[in-house]
Each structure stands twice: as C-alpha cells, then as structure tokens.
Amino acid sequence: MEVKEVSALMEEIISIGCTNPEISRNDIAVALVDAISAQGYRPGKHFDTSVESRILNWICEEWPEGDLEFADAASTVLCNLQTVPVMDELPRILNLELREEAKAFLNEVLDEHRKI
C-alpha cells in the first residue's frame, strides 16, 4: 500500500476506535501496527501529520498501567510516527498529567528520535 493509503486507513482505525468503546485499545493498537506494516519500508515518506498527532494523543490517553501487550503495539506505532511535528509535540504531551509509565515511555521514544 502507498503511504497516503496507509494514512487514510490509520485515520479510519483511530476514528472507529475512538467512537466505539467496546473495541479494546489493544485491538486498535494492533490494527494500527498492521496498517503500518502494509506499507513496507519507505524511507523519506511520512504519514499525514494530523493523523499522527491524533494517534499520538490517543496513545497517551489510553496508556494503561502494566498492559504489556498495549505497550508493545503502541511502541511499534510510535516508532513509525517519527515525523518532526509529532516529535515536536512529545515534550508538550509530557507536560500533561500523564501516568508515570506513559511519561517514561514517551521519553524513551523522544531519546530514540534524537539519536537519528
């Protein structure tokens, strides 16, 4: 799939997930991973930044304490949302009242981005 198509698919997944509380956050995160995988490796191509921001905010809001399955899927998603606007947003999100687990994880993602 092309990056533009994957962006649209991720937008649809996050929209459905946000409006249907009966769908587990783990299923939504795994669906996002599957969508990202469908595009294959495309260096220099980025997802739509508004979609990435929505996904980043959703991950921060949904971050559960001690749920390793979600953490694994969410970390895969975030590692693939490395456009500059999303990375610029991470420090702002870290200043919000997030659980300590979410802050620690997001700091790790930000540190990884800085190494690139």
Protein backbone atom coordinates (compact mmCIF):
# COMPACT_ATOMS: atom_id res chain seq x y z
CA MET A 1 0.00 0.00 0.00
CA GLU A 2 1.09 3.56 -0.61
CA VAL A 3 1.82 5.82 2.37
CA LYS A 4 -1.20 8.03 1.57
CA GLU A 5 -3.48 4.98 1.62
CA VAL A 6 -2.00 3.81 4.92
CA SER A 7 -2.54 7.29 6.41
CA ALA A 8 -6.20 7.13 5.40
CA LEU A 9 -6.52 3.63 6.84
CA MET A 10 -4.94 4.71 10.14
CA GLU A 11 -7.33 7.68 10.27
CA GLU A 12 -10.23 5.28 9.85
CA ILE A 13 -8.90 2.91 12.53
CA ILE A 14 -8.39 5.67 15.08
CA SER A 15 -11.80 7.21 14.29
CA ILE A 16 -13.58 3.89 14.71
CA GLY A 17 -11.61 3.14 17.86
CA CYS A 18 -12.37 6.50 19.46
CA THR A 19 -16.10 6.25 18.80
CA ASN A 20 -16.58 2.59 19.77
CA PRO A 21 -15.59 1.99 23.39
CA GLU A 22 -16.44 -1.71 23.05
CA ILE A 23 -13.37 -2.17 20.83
CA SER A 24 -10.34 -2.88 23.02
CA ARG A 25 -7.44 -0.47 22.91
CA ASN A 26 -5.15 -3.45 22.24
CA ASP A 27 -7.12 -4.36 19.11
CA ILE A 28 -6.92 -0.77 17.89
CA ALA A 29 -3.17 -0.59 18.52
CA VAL A 30 -2.59 -3.92 16.75
CA ALA A 31 -4.70 -2.74 13.79
CA LEU A 32 -2.51 0.37 13.56
CA VAL A 33 0.61 -1.83 13.55
CA ASP A 34 -0.91 -3.96 10.79
CA ALA A 35 -1.68 -0.84 8.74
CA ILE A 36 1.87 0.45 9.14
CA SER A 37 3.25 -2.94 8.12
CA ALA A 38 1.12 -2.90 4.96
CA GLN A 39 3.16 -0.04 3.51
CA GLY A 40 6.52 -1.77 3.89
CA TYR A 41 9.74 0.16 4.33
CA ARG A 42 9.52 3.59 2.68
CA PRO A 43 12.37 5.84 3.76
CA GLY A 44 11.66 9.53 3.40
CA LYS A 45 7.89 9.04 3.18
CA HIS A 46 5.76 10.18 6.09
CA PHE A 47 2.21 9.72 7.21
CA ASP A 48 -0.19 12.64 7.36
CA THR A 49 0.86 14.71 10.39
CA SER A 50 -2.70 15.32 11.60
CA VAL A 51 -3.28 11.55 11.67
CA GLU A 52 0.00 11.05 13.51
CA SER A 53 -0.93 13.70 16.08
CA ARG A 54 -4.31 12.07 16.65
CA ILE A 55 -2.70 8.67 17.12
CA LEU A 56 -0.07 10.09 19.49
CA ASN A 57 -2.73 11.78 21.62
CA TRP A 58 -4.85 8.62 21.64
CA ILE A 59 -1.90 6.50 22.79
CA CYS A 60 -1.20 8.95 25.61
CA GLU A 61 -4.83 8.98 26.71
CA GLU A 62 -5.22 5.21 26.55
CA TRP A 63 -1.87 4.26 28.10
CA PRO A 64 -2.77 1.62 30.70
CA GLU A 65 -0.69 0.79 33.70
CA GLY A 66 1.00 -2.58 33.35
CA ASP A 67 -0.52 -3.63 29.99
CA LEU A 68 2.50 -5.01 28.15
CA GLU A 69 0.52 -6.04 25.06
CA PHE A 70 -0.65 -2.47 24.52
CA ALA A 71 2.82 -1.08 25.32
CA ASP A 72 4.38 -3.35 22.69
CA ALA A 73 1.90 -2.40 19.96
CA ALA A 74 1.91 1.30 20.91
CA SER A 75 5.70 1.45 20.88
CA THR A 76 5.76 -0.06 17.39
CA VAL A 77 3.25 2.53 16.23
CA LEU A 78 5.12 5.46 17.80
CA CYS A 79 8.45 4.34 16.38
CA ASN A 80 6.87 4.66 12.93
CA LEU A 81 5.39 8.14 13.59
CA GLN A 82 8.71 9.91 13.59
CA THR A 83 7.87 12.98 11.60
CA VAL A 84 9.17 16.24 13.01
CA PRO A 85 5.75 17.66 14.01
CA VAL A 86 4.98 14.60 16.14
CA MET A 87 8.42 14.64 17.75
CA ASP A 88 7.95 18.35 18.47
CA GLU A 89 4.68 17.53 20.19
CA LEU A 90 6.11 14.91 22.54
CA PRO A 91 7.64 17.38 25.02
CA ARG A 92 4.31 19.23 25.24
CA ILE A 93 2.47 16.00 25.86
CA LEU A 94 5.00 15.03 28.51
CA ASN A 95 3.99 18.15 30.44
CA LEU A 96 0.40 16.97 30.65
CA GLU A 97 -0.76 14.99 33.64
CA LEU A 98 0.07 11.53 32.31
CA ARG A 99 0.74 8.41 34.28
CA GLU A 100 4.42 7.94 35.01
CA GLU A 101 4.53 4.87 32.74
CA ALA A 102 3.41 6.93 29.76
CA LYS A 103 5.91 9.69 30.52
CA ALA A 104 8.78 7.20 30.80
CA PHE A 105 7.82 5.53 27.53
CA LEU A 106 7.43 8.78 25.62
CA ASN A 107 10.79 9.98 26.92
CA GLU A 108 12.35 6.79 25.52
CA VAL A 109 10.76 7.43 22.12
CA LEU A 110 11.98 11.02 22.15
CA ASP A 111 15.51 9.89 23.07
CA GLU A 112 15.50 7.38 20.20
CA HIS A 113 14.41 10.09 17.77
CA ARG A 114 17.23 12.38 18.89
CA LYS A 115 19.75 9.65 18.04
CA ILE A 116 18.60 9.60 14.39
